[in-house]
């Protein structure tokens, strides 16, 4: 517990860092933010992926459905439970934010959705094609705007032509491969790289909230093997960013083979969180 802010901080045995605090600024509402310390800066560098693949793969994931549930089913379930979801990718962060009512188990339902996003992601070809098309249309509109073209030129000059600071154009979109892009996103969603923040007017006690975090987030395993190239690259980028003067082995940044916890607590099946 941070005495100054009132924020409680816990780390689940699979590496997920969790912070939570009860507030009444927005009565009856709870906000859940899942953040990964990997963003667009990891792209377009030696060993990294293609520029723009993180944004495209995240949009594809959010439009593909989850597990055995179609995108339409997931969208309807979110609507019926009044859960608002926003996803963004910045230079240094990937963020998934959910807003939900604190009544009728709203927080538990939001965490169920988060569990499926992290444990049963999908990257459907049709959703990938739609995402590329949407970005192409956005690029066409941007090219017709004098203000946008001026801003792009200024950024190009200021950043020395670094493609990571430029809008996604047709040339960059055409270079993105669905399979490689999805692997890059999965590397950013490994448990030990995630930080979850819960804040709002939730009805659960501290212990009940921690039990929900353990049930829905503590049972998420890494979607990639520890030696996967995308995971190795993401670990190296994070290491270089925070420790520029030191060079530790990649293995030092990777999670242990298995979190230590009572095996009975790992028995969560998707049936527990299936959508109606």
C-alpha atoms as a PDB file:
ATOM      1  CA  UNK A   1       0.000   0.000   0.000  1.00  0.00           C
ATOM      2  CA  UNK A   2       1.293   3.435  -0.963  1.00  0.00           C
ATOM      3  CA  UNK A   3       0.381   5.584   2.015  1.00  0.00           C
ATOM      4  CA  UNK A   4       0.522   8.851   0.068  1.00  0.00           C
ATOM      5  CA  UNK A   5      -1.776   7.866  -2.793  1.00  0.00           C
ATOM      6  CA  UNK A   6      -3.803   5.021  -1.280  1.00  0.00           C
ATOM      7  CA  UNK A   7      -2.927   2.773  -4.223  1.00  0.00           C
ATOM      8  CA  UNK A   8      -2.501  -0.906  -3.446  1.00  0.00           C
ATOM      9  CA  UNK A   9       0.027  -2.778  -5.560  1.00  0.00           C
ATOM     10  CA  UNK A  10       0.266  -6.550  -6.012  1.00  0.00           C
ATOM     11  CA  UNK A  11       2.094  -8.794  -8.435  1.00  0.00           C
ATOM     12  CA  UNK A  12       0.503 -12.067  -9.472  1.00  0.00           C
ATOM     13  CA  UNK A  13       2.670 -15.179  -9.622  1.00  0.00           C
ATOM     14  CA  UNK A  14       2.651 -15.187 -13.443  1.00  0.00           C
ATOM     15  CA  UNK A  15       4.227 -11.719 -13.439  1.00  0.00           C
ATOM     16  CA  UNK A  16       1.220  -9.441 -14.009  1.00  0.00           C
ATOM     17  CA  UNK A  17       1.570  -6.233 -11.969  1.00  0.00           C
ATOM     18  CA  UNK A  18      -1.728  -4.935 -10.563  1.00  0.00           C
ATOM     19  CA  UNK A  19      -2.635  -1.605  -8.961  1.00  0.00           C
ATOM     20  CA  UNK A  20      -6.032  -0.688  -7.585  1.00  0.00           C
ATOM     21  CA  UNK A  21      -7.717   2.130  -5.691  1.00  0.00           C
ATOM     22  CA  UNK A  22     -11.323   2.852  -4.762  1.00  0.00           C
ATOM     23  CA  UNK A  23     -12.536   6.312  -5.781  1.00  0.00           C
ATOM     24  CA  UNK A  24     -15.915   8.001  -6.078  1.00  0.00           C
ATOM     25  CA  UNK A  25     -15.087  10.618  -8.697  1.00  0.00           C
ATOM     26  CA  UNK A  26     -17.331   8.796 -11.176  1.00  0.00           C
ATOM     27  CA  UNK A  27     -19.989   7.149  -9.027  1.00  0.00           C
ATOM     28  CA  UNK A  28     -20.997   3.653 -10.042  1.00  0.00           C
ATOM     29  CA  UNK A  29     -18.248   3.292 -12.700  1.00  0.00           C
ATOM     30  CA  UNK A  30     -15.065   1.237 -12.755  1.00  0.00           C
ATOM     31  CA  UNK A  31     -12.147   1.636 -15.145  1.00  0.00           C
ATOM     32  CA  UNK A  32      -9.714  -1.157 -15.967  1.00  0.00           C
ATOM     33  CA  UNK A  33      -6.549  -0.391 -17.893  1.00  0.00           C
ATOM     34  CA  UNK A  34      -4.213  -3.084 -19.191  1.00  0.00           C
ATOM     35  CA  UNK A  35      -0.908  -1.690 -20.351  1.00  0.00           C
ATOM     36  CA  UNK A  36       2.097  -3.318 -21.981  1.00  0.00           C
ATOM     37  CA  UNK A  37       5.504  -1.705 -21.931  1.00  0.00           C
ATOM     38  CA  UNK A  38       5.991  -2.343 -25.631  1.00  0.00           C
ATOM     39  CA  UNK A  39       4.976   0.091 -28.367  1.00  0.00           C
ATOM     40  CA  UNK A  40       5.793   1.304 -31.842  1.00  0.00           C
ATOM     41  CA  UNK A  41       9.395   2.131 -30.925  1.00  0.00           C
ATOM     42  CA  UNK A  42      10.158  -1.590 -31.096  1.00  0.00           C
ATOM     43  CA  UNK A  43       9.351  -1.581 -34.822  1.00  0.00           C
ATOM     44  CA  UNK A  44      11.566  -0.672 -37.760  1.00  0.00           C
ATOM     45  CA  UNK A  45      14.842  -1.397 -35.933  1.00  0.00           C
ATOM     46  CA  UNK A  46      17.329  -4.266 -36.397  1.00  0.00           C
ATOM     47  CA  UNK A  47      15.650  -7.447 -35.196  1.00  0.00           C
ATOM     48  CA  UNK A  48      12.311  -5.712 -34.952  1.00  0.00           C
ATOM     49  CA  UNK A  49       9.173  -5.932 -37.027  1.00  0.00           C
ATOM     50  CA  UNK A  50       7.703  -3.853 -39.807  1.00  0.00           C
ATOM     51  CA  UNK A  51       6.608  -0.318 -38.952  1.00  0.00           C
ATOM     52  CA  UNK A  52       2.874  -0.204 -38.210  1.00  0.00           C
ATOM     53  CA  UNK A  53       2.361  -3.887 -37.497  1.00  0.00           C
ATOM     54  CA  UNK A  54       1.516  -3.321 -33.827  1.00  0.00           C
ATOM     55  CA  UNK A  55      -1.343  -0.922 -34.634  1.00  0.00           C
ATOM     56  CA  UNK A  56      -2.680  -3.132 -37.418  1.00  0.00           C
ATOM     57  CA  UNK A  57      -2.477  -6.344 -35.399  1.00  0.00           C
ATOM     58  CA  UNK A  58      -4.224  -4.777 -32.378  1.00  0.00           C
ATOM     59  CA  UNK A  59      -7.065  -3.468 -34.559  1.00  0.00           C
ATOM     60  CA  UNK A  60      -7.287  -6.907 -36.182  1.00  0.00           C
ATOM     61  CA  UNK A  61      -7.467  -8.603 -32.788  1.00  0.00           C
ATOM     62  CA  UNK A  62     -10.278  -6.322 -31.636  1.00  0.00           C
ATOM     63  CA  UNK A  63     -12.274  -7.081 -34.793  1.00  0.00           C
ATOM     64  CA  UNK A  64     -11.723 -10.852 -34.962  1.00  0.00           C
ATOM     65  CA  UNK A  65     -13.697 -12.271 -32.091  1.00  0.00           C
ATOM     66  CA  UNK A  66     -12.239 -14.219 -29.176  1.00  0.00           C
ATOM     67  CA  UNK A  67     -11.739 -17.950 -28.884  1.00  0.00           C
ATOM     68  CA  UNK A  68     -14.760 -19.683 -30.385  1.00  0.00           C
ATOM     69  CA  UNK A  69     -16.870 -16.518 -30.227  1.00  0.00           C
ATOM     70  CA  UNK A  70     -17.381 -14.394 -33.332  1.00  0.00           C
ATOM     71  CA  UNK A  71     -16.736 -10.669 -33.406  1.00  0.00           C
ATOM     72  CA  UNK A  72     -20.491 -10.080 -33.575  1.00  0.00           C
ATOM     73  CA  UNK A  73     -21.073 -12.214 -30.470  1.00  0.00           C
ATOM     74  CA  UNK A  74     -18.349 -10.409 -28.540  1.00  0.00           C
ATOM     75  CA  UNK A  75     -19.654  -6.999 -29.602  1.00  0.00           C
ATOM     76  CA  UNK A  76     -23.194  -7.919 -28.566  1.00  0.00           C
ATOM     77  CA  UNK A  77     -21.989  -9.261 -25.195  1.00  0.00           C
ATOM     78  CA  UNK A  78     -20.058  -6.053 -24.513  1.00  0.00           C
ATOM     79  CA  UNK A  79     -23.109  -3.981 -25.431  1.00  0.00           C
ATOM     80  CA  UNK A  80     -25.470  -5.985 -23.223  1.00  0.00           C
ATOM     81  CA  UNK A  81     -23.100  -5.614 -20.286  1.00  0.00           C
ATOM     82  CA  UNK A  82     -22.421  -1.911 -20.939  1.00  0.00           C
ATOM     83  CA  UNK A  83     -18.669  -2.443 -21.284  1.00  0.00           C
ATOM     84  CA  UNK A  84     -16.813   0.190 -23.299  1.00  0.00           C
ATOM     85  CA  UNK A  85     -13.454  -0.866 -24.737  1.00  0.00           C
ATOM     86  CA  UNK A  86     -10.732   1.327 -26.216  1.00  0.00           C
ATOM     87  CA  UNK A  87      -7.376   0.116 -27.563  1.00  0.00           C
ATOM     88  CA  UNK A  88      -4.391   2.269 -28.478  1.00  0.00           C
ATOM     89  CA  UNK A  89      -0.737   1.930 -29.431  1.00  0.00           C
ATOM     90  CA  UNK A  90       1.725   4.730 -28.725  1.00  0.00           C
ATOM     91  CA  UNK A  91       5.474   4.850 -29.195  1.00  0.00           C
ATOM     92  CA  UNK A  92       6.141   3.250 -25.804  1.00  0.00           C
ATOM     93  CA  UNK A  93       2.871   1.660 -24.721  1.00  0.00           C
ATOM     94  CA  UNK A  94       0.079  -0.634 -25.813  1.00  0.00           C
ATOM     95  CA  UNK A  95      -3.099   0.044 -23.832  1.00  0.00           C
ATOM     96  CA  UNK A  96      -6.481  -1.628 -23.497  1.00  0.00           C
ATOM     97  CA  UNK A  97      -8.971   0.390 -21.438  1.00  0.00           C
ATOM     98  CA  UNK A  98     -12.393  -0.792 -20.273  1.00  0.00           C
ATOM     99  CA  UNK A  99     -15.167   1.187 -18.597  1.00  0.00           C
ATOM    100  CA  UNK A 100     -18.006  -0.688 -16.915  1.00  0.00           C
ATOM    101  CA  UNK A 101     -20.763  -0.216 -14.365  1.00  0.00           C
ATOM    102  CA  UNK A 102     -19.838  -1.280 -10.839  1.00  0.00           C
ATOM    103  CA  UNK A 103     -23.215  -2.989 -10.356  1.00  0.00           C
ATOM    104  CA  UNK A 104     -24.298  -6.518 -11.309  1.00  0.00           C
ATOM    105  CA  UNK A 105     -20.755  -7.896 -11.355  1.00  0.00           C
ATOM    106  CA  UNK A 106     -19.545  -5.428 -13.962  1.00  0.00           C
ATOM    107  CA  UNK A 107     -15.912  -5.573 -12.858  1.00  0.00           C
ATOM    108  CA  UNK A 108     -15.829  -9.375 -13.017  1.00  0.00           C
ATOM    109  CA  UNK A 109     -17.298  -9.278 -16.532  1.00  0.00           C
ATOM    110  CA  UNK A 110     -14.676  -6.780 -17.694  1.00  0.00           C
ATOM    111  CA  UNK A 111     -11.930  -9.020 -16.328  1.00  0.00           C
ATOM    112  CA  UNK A 112     -13.525 -12.010 -18.074  1.00  0.00           C
ATOM    113  CA  UNK A 113     -13.234 -10.115 -21.350  1.00  0.00           C
ATOM    114  CA  UNK A 114      -9.611  -9.261 -20.559  1.00  0.00           C
ATOM    115  CA  UNK A 115      -8.906 -12.925 -19.842  1.00  0.00           C
ATOM    116  CA  UNK A 116     -10.195 -13.972 -23.253  1.00  0.00           C
ATOM    117  CA  UNK A 117      -8.230 -11.213 -25.022  1.00  0.00           C
ATOM    118  CA  UNK A 118      -5.008 -12.410 -23.401  1.00  0.00           C
ATOM    119  CA  UNK A 119      -5.611 -16.157 -23.508  1.00  0.00           C
ATOM    120  CA  UNK A 120      -7.689 -16.721 -26.677  1.00  0.00           C
ATOM    121  CA  UNK A 121      -6.836 -13.992 -29.211  1.00  0.00           C
ATOM    122  CA  UNK A 122      -7.768 -14.360 -32.873  1.00  0.00           C
ATOM    123  CA  UNK A 123      -6.384 -12.702 -35.989  1.00  0.00           C
ATOM    124  CA  UNK A 124      -8.882 -13.499 -38.737  1.00  0.00           C
ATOM    125  CA  UNK A 125      -7.813 -12.865 -42.357  1.00  0.00           C
ATOM    126  CA  UNK A 126     -11.017 -10.942 -43.114  1.00  0.00           C
ATOM    127  CA  UNK A 127     -10.521  -8.690 -40.093  1.00  0.00           C
ATOM    128  CA  UNK A 128      -6.913  -8.115 -41.148  1.00  0.00           C
ATOM    129  CA  UNK A 129      -8.024  -7.128 -44.650  1.00  0.00           C
ATOM    130  CA  UNK A 130     -10.635  -4.734 -43.238  1.00  0.00           C
ATOM    131  CA  UNK A 131      -8.044  -3.135 -40.984  1.00  0.00           C
ATOM    132  CA  UNK A 132      -5.668  -2.566 -43.893  1.00  0.00           C
ATOM    133  CA  UNK A 133      -8.489  -1.100 -45.976  1.00  0.00           C
ATOM    134  CA  UNK A 134      -9.536   1.256 -43.170  1.00  0.00           C
ATOM    135  CA  UNK A 135      -5.958   2.495 -42.834  1.00  0.00           C
ATOM    136  CA  UNK A 136      -5.678   2.977 -46.597  1.00  0.00           C
ATOM    137  CA  UNK A 137      -8.844   5.103 -46.606  1.00  0.00           C
ATOM    138  CA  UNK A 138      -7.511   7.122 -43.676  1.00  0.00           C
ATOM    139  CA  UNK A 139      -4.249   7.668 -45.577  1.00  0.00           C
ATOM    140  CA  UNK A 140      -6.173   8.876 -48.647  1.00  0.00           C
ATOM    141  CA  UNK A 141      -8.046  11.433 -46.538  1.00  0.00           C
ATOM    142  CA  UNK A 142      -4.799  12.509 -44.904  1.00  0.00           C
ATOM    143  CA  UNK A 143      -3.152  13.061 -48.278  1.00  0.00           C
ATOM    144  CA  UNK A 144      -5.984  15.418 -49.266  1.00  0.00           C
ATOM    145  CA  UNK A 145      -5.466  17.585 -46.182  1.00  0.00           C
ATOM    146  CA  UNK A 146      -2.935  20.391 -46.422  1.00  0.00           C
ATOM    147  CA  UNK A 147      -2.577  20.494 -42.637  1.00  0.00           C
ATOM    148  CA  UNK A 148      -1.851  16.750 -42.473  1.00  0.00           C
ATOM    149  CA  UNK A 149       0.695  16.874 -45.279  1.00  0.00           C
ATOM    150  CA  UNK A 150       2.431  19.843 -43.638  1.00  0.00           C
ATOM    151  CA  UNK A 151       2.564  18.074 -40.283  1.00  0.00           C
ATOM    152  CA  UNK A 152       3.941  14.906 -41.890  1.00  0.00           C
ATOM    153  CA  UNK A 153       6.683  16.883 -43.627  1.00  0.00           C
ATOM    154  CA  UNK A 154       7.636  18.656 -40.397  1.00  0.00           C
ATOM    155  CA  UNK A 155       7.817  15.356 -38.495  1.00  0.00           C
ATOM    156  CA  UNK A 156       9.894  13.826 -41.279  1.00  0.00           C
ATOM    157  CA  UNK A 157      12.443  16.627 -41.021  1.00  0.00           C
ATOM    158  CA  UNK A 158      12.432  16.770 -37.219  1.00  0.00           C
ATOM    159  CA  UNK A 159      12.923  13.022 -36.754  1.00  0.00           C
ATOM    160  CA  UNK A 160      15.503  12.522 -39.448  1.00  0.00           C
ATOM    161  CA  UNK A 161      13.231  10.467 -41.663  1.00  0.00           C
ATOM    162  CA  UNK A 162      12.497   7.848 -38.969  1.00  0.00           C
ATOM    163  CA  UNK A 163       9.536   5.870 -40.350  1.00  0.00           C
ATOM    164  CA  UNK A 164       8.155   5.211 -36.865  1.00  0.00           C
ATOM    165  CA  UNK A 165       7.137   8.882 -36.603  1.00  0.00           C
ATOM    166  CA  UNK A 166       5.314   8.982 -39.940  1.00  0.00           C
ATOM    167  CA  UNK A 167       1.695   8.097 -40.739  1.00  0.00           C
ATOM    168  CA  UNK A 168       0.903   4.654 -42.123  1.00  0.00           C
ATOM    169  CA  UNK A 169       0.880   4.895 -45.909  1.00  0.00           C
ATOM    170  CA  UNK A 170       0.135   2.296 -48.567  1.00  0.00           C
ATOM    171  CA  UNK A 171       3.800   1.311 -48.823  1.00  0.00           C
ATOM    172  CA  UNK A 172       4.048   0.505 -45.102  1.00  0.00           C
ATOM    173  CA  UNK A 173       0.662  -1.237 -45.013  1.00  0.00           C
ATOM    174  CA  UNK A 174       1.640  -3.429 -47.948  1.00  0.00           C
ATOM    175  CA  UNK A 175       4.710  -4.661 -46.092  1.00  0.00           C
ATOM    176  CA  UNK A 176       2.772  -5.904 -43.051  1.00  0.00           C
ATOM    177  CA  UNK A 177       2.308  -9.659 -42.817  1.00  0.00           C
ATOM    178  CA  UNK A 178      -0.616 -10.909 -40.741  1.00  0.00           C
ATOM    179  CA  UNK A 179       1.232 -13.824 -39.136  1.00  0.00           C
ATOM    180  CA  UNK A 180       4.350 -11.828 -38.240  1.00  0.00           C
ATOM    181  CA  UNK A 181       2.289  -8.885 -36.995  1.00  0.00           C
ATOM    182  CA  UNK A 182       0.210 -11.128 -34.726  1.00  0.00           C
ATOM    183  CA  UNK A 183       3.378 -12.667 -33.261  1.00  0.00           C
ATOM    184  CA  UNK A 184       4.749  -9.198 -32.504  1.00  0.00           C
ATOM    185  CA  UNK A 185       1.546  -8.282 -30.669  1.00  0.00           C
ATOM    186  CA  UNK A 186       1.490 -11.531 -28.707  1.00  0.00           C
ATOM    187  CA  UNK A 187       5.057 -10.812 -27.600  1.00  0.00           C
ATOM    188  CA  UNK A 188       3.790  -7.557 -26.092  1.00  0.00           C
ATOM    189  CA  UNK A 189       0.971  -9.334 -24.236  1.00  0.00           C
ATOM    190  CA  UNK A 190       3.036 -11.800 -22.201  1.00  0.00           C
ATOM    191  CA  UNK A 191       2.035 -11.629 -18.513  1.00  0.00           C
ATOM    192  CA  UNK A 192       5.309 -10.343 -17.060  1.00  0.00           C
ATOM    193  CA  UNK A 193       5.137  -7.305 -19.360  1.00  0.00           C
ATOM    194  CA  UNK A 194       1.606  -6.296 -18.324  1.00  0.00           C
ATOM    195  CA  UNK A 195       0.473  -3.741 -15.770  1.00  0.00           C
ATOM    196  CA  UNK A 196      -3.213  -3.688 -14.797  1.00  0.00           C
ATOM    197  CA  UNK A 197      -4.839  -0.734 -13.074  1.00  0.00           C
ATOM    198  CA  UNK A 198      -8.327  -0.871 -11.542  1.00  0.00           C
ATOM    199  CA  UNK A 199      -9.797   2.374 -10.277  1.00  0.00           C
ATOM    200  CA  UNK A 200     -13.322   3.527  -9.564  1.00  0.00           C
ATOM    201  CA  UNK A 201     -16.373   2.988  -7.422  1.00  0.00           C
ATOM    202  CA  UNK A 202     -16.193  -0.819  -7.310  1.00  0.00           C
ATOM    203  CA  UNK A 203     -18.271  -2.697  -4.744  1.00  0.00           C
ATOM    204  CA  UNK A 204     -15.760  -5.483  -4.070  1.00  0.00           C
ATOM    205  CA  UNK A 205     -13.555  -5.541  -0.995  1.00  0.00           C
ATOM    206  CA  UNK A 206      -9.798  -5.512  -1.465  1.00  0.00           C
ATOM    207  CA  UNK A 207      -9.591  -9.266  -0.977  1.00  0.00           C
ATOM    208  CA  UNK A 208     -12.467  -9.927  -3.372  1.00  0.00           C
ATOM    209  CA  UNK A 209     -10.833  -7.736  -5.992  1.00  0.00           C
ATOM    210  CA  UNK A 210      -7.500  -9.509  -5.631  1.00  0.00           C
ATOM    211  CA  UNK A 211      -9.293 -12.852  -5.959  1.00  0.00           C
ATOM    212  CA  UNK A 212     -10.837 -11.668  -9.248  1.00  0.00           C
ATOM    213  CA  UNK A 213      -7.457 -10.496 -10.508  1.00  0.00           C
ATOM    214  CA  UNK A 214      -5.935 -13.860  -9.629  1.00  0.00           C
ATOM    215  CA  UNK A 215      -8.777 -15.805 -11.238  1.00  0.00           C
ATOM    216  CA  UNK A 216      -8.917 -13.958 -14.549  1.00  0.00           C
ATOM    217  CA  UNK A 217      -5.406 -12.537 -14.975  1.00  0.00           C
ATOM    218  CA  UNK A 218      -3.263 -14.748 -12.763  1.00  0.00           C
ATOM    219  CA  UNK A 219      -4.206 -17.779 -14.874  1.00  0.00           C
ATOM    220  CA  UNK A 220      -3.010 -16.249 -18.154  1.00  0.00           C
ATOM    221  CA  UNK A 221       0.075 -17.946 -19.571  1.00  0.00           C
ATOM    222  CA  UNK A 222       2.492 -16.581 -22.153  1.00  0.00           C
ATOM    223  CA  UNK A 223       1.086 -17.146 -25.683  1.00  0.00           C
ATOM    224  CA  UNK A 224       4.640 -17.573 -27.043  1.00  0.00           C
ATOM    225  CA  UNK A 225       7.539 -19.842 -26.032  1.00  0.00           C
ATOM    226  CA  UNK A 226      10.374 -18.107 -24.185  1.00  0.00           C
ATOM    227  CA  UNK A 227      12.769 -18.531 -27.118  1.00  0.00           C
ATOM    228  CA  UNK A 228      10.427 -17.020 -29.729  1.00  0.00           C
ATOM    229  CA  UNK A 229      12.243 -14.299 -31.784  1.00  0.00           C
ATOM    230  CA  UNK A 230       9.493 -11.715 -31.237  1.00  0.00           C
ATOM    231  CA  UNK A 231       9.616 -12.231 -27.481  1.00  0.00           C
ATOM    232  CA  UNK A 232      13.402 -12.046 -27.433  1.00  0.00           C
ATOM    233  CA  UNK A 233      13.376  -8.797 -29.414  1.00  0.00           C
ATOM    234  CA  UNK A 234      10.739  -7.185 -27.192  1.00  0.00           C
ATOM    235  CA  UNK A 235      12.756  -8.093 -24.095  1.00  0.00           C
ATOM    236  CA  UNK A 236      15.901  -6.600 -25.605  1.00  0.00           C
ATOM    237  CA  UNK A 237      14.139  -3.341 -26.528  1.00  0.00           C
ATOM    238  CA  UNK A 238      12.770  -3.009 -23.001  1.00  0.00           C
ATOM    239  CA  UNK A 239      16.179  -3.771 -21.510  1.00  0.00           C
ATOM    240  CA  UNK A 240      18.013  -1.267 -23.703  1.00  0.00           C
ATOM    241  CA  UNK A 241      15.443   1.432 -22.983  1.00  0.00           C
ATOM    242  CA  UNK A 242      15.741   1.222 -19.202  1.00  0.00           C
ATOM    243  CA  UNK A 243      19.340   0.064 -18.839  1.00  0.00           C
ATOM    244  CA  UNK A 244      21.360   1.778 -21.601  1.00  0.00           C
ATOM    245  CA  UNK A 245      24.632   1.323 -19.722  1.00  0.00           C
ATOM    246  CA  UNK A 246      24.228  -2.389 -18.998  1.00  0.00           C
ATOM    247  CA  UNK A 247      23.816  -5.460 -21.168  1.00  0.00           C
ATOM    248  CA  UNK A 248      22.306  -8.403 -19.330  1.00  0.00           C
ATOM    249  CA  UNK A 249      21.619 -11.726 -21.058  1.00  0.00           C
ATOM    250  CA  UNK A 250      18.240 -11.933 -22.763  1.00  0.00           C
ATOM    251  CA  UNK A 251      17.319 -14.827 -20.488  1.00  0.00           C
ATOM    252  CA  UNK A 252      17.436 -12.475 -17.515  1.00  0.00           C
ATOM    253  CA  UNK A 253      14.478 -10.565 -18.948  1.00  0.00           C
ATOM    254  CA  UNK A 254      12.308 -13.604 -19.646  1.00  0.00           C
ATOM    255  CA  UNK A 255       9.824 -15.191 -17.232  1.00  0.00           C
ATOM    256  CA  UNK A 256      10.555 -18.367 -15.352  1.00  0.00           C
ATOM    257  CA  UNK A 257       9.258 -21.568 -16.891  1.00  0.00           C
ATOM    258  CA  UNK A 258       6.291 -21.808 -14.511  1.00  0.00           C
ATOM    259  CA  UNK A 259       4.890 -19.566 -11.780  1.00  0.00           C
ATOM    260  CA  UNK A 260       4.780 -21.179  -8.362  1.00  0.00           C
ATOM    261  CA  UNK A 261       1.251 -21.531  -7.099  1.00  0.00           C
ATOM    262  CA  UNK A 262      -1.162 -24.183  -5.996  1.00  0.00           C
ATOM    263  CA  UNK A 263      -2.015 -26.161  -9.188  1.00  0.00           C
ATOM    264  CA  UNK A 264      -5.670 -26.132  -8.151  1.00  0.00           C
ATOM    265  CA  UNK A 265      -5.711 -22.414  -8.868  1.00  0.00           C
ATOM    266  CA  UNK A 266      -4.752 -23.096 -12.482  1.00  0.00           C
ATOM    267  CA  UNK A 267      -7.903 -25.054 -13.268  1.00  0.00           C
ATOM    268  CA  UNK A 268      -9.789 -22.120 -14.826  1.00  0.00           C
ATOM    269  CA  UNK A 269     -11.284 -23.239 -18.120  1.00  0.00           C
ATOM    270  CA  UNK A 270     -12.821 -21.118 -20.811  1.00  0.00           C
ATOM    271  CA  UNK A 271     -16.176 -22.479 -19.730  1.00  0.00           C
ATOM    272  CA  UNK A 272     -15.898 -20.255 -16.683  1.00  0.00           C
ATOM    273  CA  UNK A 273     -15.784 -17.156 -18.865  1.00  0.00           C
ATOM    274  CA  UNK A 274     -17.709 -18.153 -21.956  1.00  0.00           C
ATOM    275  CA  UNK A 275     -19.953 -15.528 -23.418  1.00  0.00           C
ATOM    276  CA  UNK A 276     -23.696 -16.231 -23.410  1.00  0.00           C
END
